[in-house]
């Protein structure tokens, strides 16, 4: 009887070891899946939190307010970027590009952005937009893409962003 009990314990231990899986693979898979779901354009909402990743600069940002409409070409999107003081405004009527200078974020109009397309991290889609408050990679714009813009991808970070 004792031999059968010992054999059962040994078999149970072997079965447990055979079915054990590592969490690290799951984390890597989740990270890959998140990267695959990232898009070069994303529609943002007030209170939404997002991540941007790309060759220029990776960062997270929160949209603090949205106004206007793409139909009337008077959109205004205000955002806060984690780690940087103040609020940045992207608008159809003015500075619709966000750029990274190497030490800080700045907003820029088309002429300034065109002069240094490789520094663009995002753009408020204006004329080509099909929905309100669409943020895009500069590579979505054919002109900026030809000028050497680098791709940025965006993903949603919170429940508010998924509405």
Protein backbone atom coordinates (compact mmCIF):
# COMPACT_ATOMS: atom_id res chain seq x y z
CA UNK A 1 0.00 0.00 0.00
CA UNK A 2 2.86 2.33 0.88
CA UNK A 3 4.48 1.67 -2.54
CA UNK A 4 1.25 2.57 -4.34
CA UNK A 5 0.92 5.78 -2.29
CA UNK A 6 4.55 6.76 -3.04
CA UNK A 7 4.02 6.01 -6.74
CA UNK A 8 0.87 8.18 -6.76
CA UNK A 9 2.78 11.08 -5.14
CA UNK A 10 5.60 10.76 -7.67
CA UNK A 11 3.15 10.67 -10.59
CA UNK A 12 1.29 13.71 -9.24
CA UNK A 13 4.59 15.63 -8.95
CA UNK A 14 5.56 14.69 -12.51
CA UNK A 15 2.16 15.72 -13.86
CA UNK A 16 2.42 19.07 -12.07
CA UNK A 17 5.87 19.71 -13.53
CA UNK A 18 4.72 18.72 -17.01
CA UNK A 19 1.83 21.18 -17.01
CA UNK A 20 3.73 24.16 -15.57
CA UNK A 21 4.11 27.10 -17.96
CA UNK A 22 6.21 30.19 -17.66
CA UNK A 23 4.61 33.63 -17.30
CA UNK A 24 7.43 35.32 -19.24
CA UNK A 25 6.22 33.91 -22.56
CA UNK A 26 2.73 35.24 -21.83
CA UNK A 27 4.11 38.73 -21.15
CA UNK A 28 6.11 38.72 -24.37
CA UNK A 29 3.05 37.55 -26.29
CA UNK A 30 0.91 40.31 -24.72
CA UNK A 31 3.53 42.94 -25.66
CA UNK A 32 3.65 41.64 -29.25
CA UNK A 33 -0.13 41.69 -29.46
CA UNK A 34 -0.25 45.30 -28.18
CA UNK A 35 2.35 46.33 -30.77
CA UNK A 36 0.37 44.61 -33.53
CA UNK A 37 -2.79 46.44 -32.47
CA UNK A 38 -1.08 49.84 -32.61
CA UNK A 39 -2.25 51.99 -35.51
CA UNK A 40 -0.82 54.86 -37.54
CA UNK A 41 -4.05 56.79 -36.99
CA UNK A 42 -6.39 56.90 -34.04
CA UNK A 43 -9.53 58.82 -33.13
CA UNK A 44 -9.10 60.46 -29.72
CA UNK A 45 -11.68 61.49 -27.11
CA UNK A 46 -11.63 63.87 -24.15
CA UNK A 47 -10.21 62.05 -21.14
CA UNK A 48 -8.65 59.33 -23.30
CA UNK A 49 -5.13 58.16 -22.54
CA UNK A 50 -2.90 56.92 -25.35
CA UNK A 51 0.61 55.69 -26.13
CA UNK A 52 2.71 56.72 -29.09
CA UNK A 53 5.73 54.71 -30.18
CA UNK A 54 8.10 55.24 -33.03
CA UNK A 55 11.59 56.04 -34.20
CA UNK A 56 11.41 59.70 -33.13
CA UNK A 57 10.11 59.45 -29.56
CA UNK A 58 7.89 57.16 -27.50
CA UNK A 59 5.50 58.78 -25.00
CA UNK A 60 2.07 58.64 -23.40
CA UNK A 61 -0.48 61.42 -23.54
CA UNK A 62 -3.93 62.34 -22.27
CA UNK A 63 -6.48 64.35 -24.24
CA UNK A 64 -7.77 67.15 -21.98
CA UNK A 65 -10.29 68.69 -24.37
CA UNK A 66 -11.66 68.49 -27.90
CA UNK A 67 -13.64 71.15 -29.78
CA UNK A 68 -14.94 71.79 -33.29
CA UNK A 69 -15.44 69.39 -36.15
CA UNK A 70 -13.50 68.05 -39.10
CA UNK A 71 -16.44 69.03 -41.31
CA UNK A 72 -16.06 72.72 -40.50
CA UNK A 73 -12.25 72.37 -40.26
CA UNK A 74 -12.10 74.02 -36.83
CA UNK A 75 -10.93 71.10 -34.68
CA UNK A 76 -8.89 71.80 -31.56
CA UNK A 77 -7.34 69.00 -29.51
CA UNK A 78 -5.55 69.82 -26.26
CA UNK A 79 -3.26 67.25 -24.71
CA UNK A 80 -0.88 66.68 -21.84
CA UNK A 81 2.21 64.57 -22.37
CA UNK A 82 3.54 62.55 -19.44
CA UNK A 83 6.76 64.03 -18.14
CA UNK A 84 6.27 67.48 -19.72
CA UNK A 85 4.69 70.53 -18.14
CA UNK A 86 1.81 72.34 -19.75
CA UNK A 87 -0.80 71.65 -22.34
CA UNK A 88 -0.18 71.46 -26.08
CA UNK A 89 -2.82 72.42 -28.64
CA UNK A 90 -3.21 70.96 -32.11
CA UNK A 91 -5.68 72.76 -34.38
CA UNK A 92 -6.87 72.84 -37.97
CA UNK A 93 -6.41 76.60 -38.08
CA UNK A 94 -2.85 76.71 -36.78
CA UNK A 95 -0.29 74.25 -35.50
CA UNK A 96 -1.54 70.83 -36.46
CA UNK A 97 1.81 69.01 -36.00
CA UNK A 98 3.54 67.85 -32.80
CA UNK A 99 7.32 67.64 -33.06
CA UNK A 100 10.15 66.45 -30.80
CA UNK A 101 13.18 68.75 -30.83
CA UNK A 102 15.41 66.33 -28.95
CA UNK A 103 14.68 67.97 -25.61
CA UNK A 104 11.07 69.12 -25.78
CA UNK A 105 7.77 68.84 -27.62
CA UNK A 106 6.58 71.74 -29.74
CA UNK A 107 3.60 72.34 -31.98
CA UNK A 108 4.22 73.44 -35.55
CA UNK A 109 2.44 74.57 -38.68
CA UNK A 110 2.86 72.83 -42.02
CA UNK A 111 5.80 74.98 -43.17
CA UNK A 112 7.82 74.35 -39.99
CA UNK A 113 6.97 70.65 -40.00
CA UNK A 114 7.94 70.31 -43.66
CA UNK A 115 11.39 71.76 -42.93
CA UNK A 116 12.09 68.97 -40.39
CA UNK A 117 9.68 66.10 -41.19
CA UNK A 118 11.84 63.54 -39.33
CA UNK A 119 10.99 65.26 -36.02
CA UNK A 120 7.20 64.95 -36.38
CA UNK A 121 5.62 62.59 -33.83
CA UNK A 122 1.95 63.21 -34.66
CA UNK A 123 -0.46 65.25 -36.73
CA UNK A 124 -4.07 66.31 -36.28
CA UNK A 125 -5.69 65.04 -39.48
CA UNK A 126 -7.43 67.97 -41.10
CA UNK A 127 -8.35 68.01 -44.77
CA UNK A 128 -8.12 64.25 -45.24
CA UNK A 129 -9.95 63.31 -42.06
CA UNK A 130 -13.14 61.26 -42.13
CA UNK A 131 -13.89 61.62 -38.41
CA UNK A 132 -13.48 64.17 -35.63
CA UNK A 133 -10.24 64.31 -33.66
CA UNK A 134 -8.13 61.87 -35.67
CA UNK A 135 -4.45 61.82 -34.73
CA UNK A 136 -2.09 60.33 -37.31
CA UNK A 137 1.52 59.47 -37.94
CA UNK A 138 3.19 61.94 -40.29
CA UNK A 139 3.76 59.02 -42.68
CA UNK A 140 0.01 58.98 -43.43
CA UNK A 141 0.53 62.33 -45.18
CA UNK A 142 2.09 61.70 -48.62
CA UNK A 143 3.98 65.01 -48.63
CA UNK A 144 5.53 64.48 -45.19
CA UNK A 145 6.25 60.85 -46.02
CA UNK A 146 8.24 61.96 -49.12
CA UNK A 147 10.11 64.47 -46.94
CA UNK A 148 11.37 61.63 -44.71
CA UNK A 149 8.82 61.52 -41.89
CA UNK A 150 9.20 58.53 -39.58
CA UNK A 151 6.29 56.32 -38.54
CA UNK A 152 4.56 56.67 -35.19
CA UNK A 153 2.00 54.15 -33.96
CA UNK A 154 -0.75 54.84 -31.43
CA UNK A 155 -2.64 52.64 -28.99
CA UNK A 156 -5.35 53.21 -26.40
CA UNK A 157 -4.43 52.96 -22.70
CA UNK A 158 -7.70 53.32 -20.80
CA UNK A 159 -11.39 52.51 -20.87
CA UNK A 160 -12.29 56.13 -21.74
CA UNK A 161 -10.19 55.90 -24.92
CA UNK A 162 -12.11 52.80 -26.02
CA UNK A 163 -15.50 54.55 -26.15
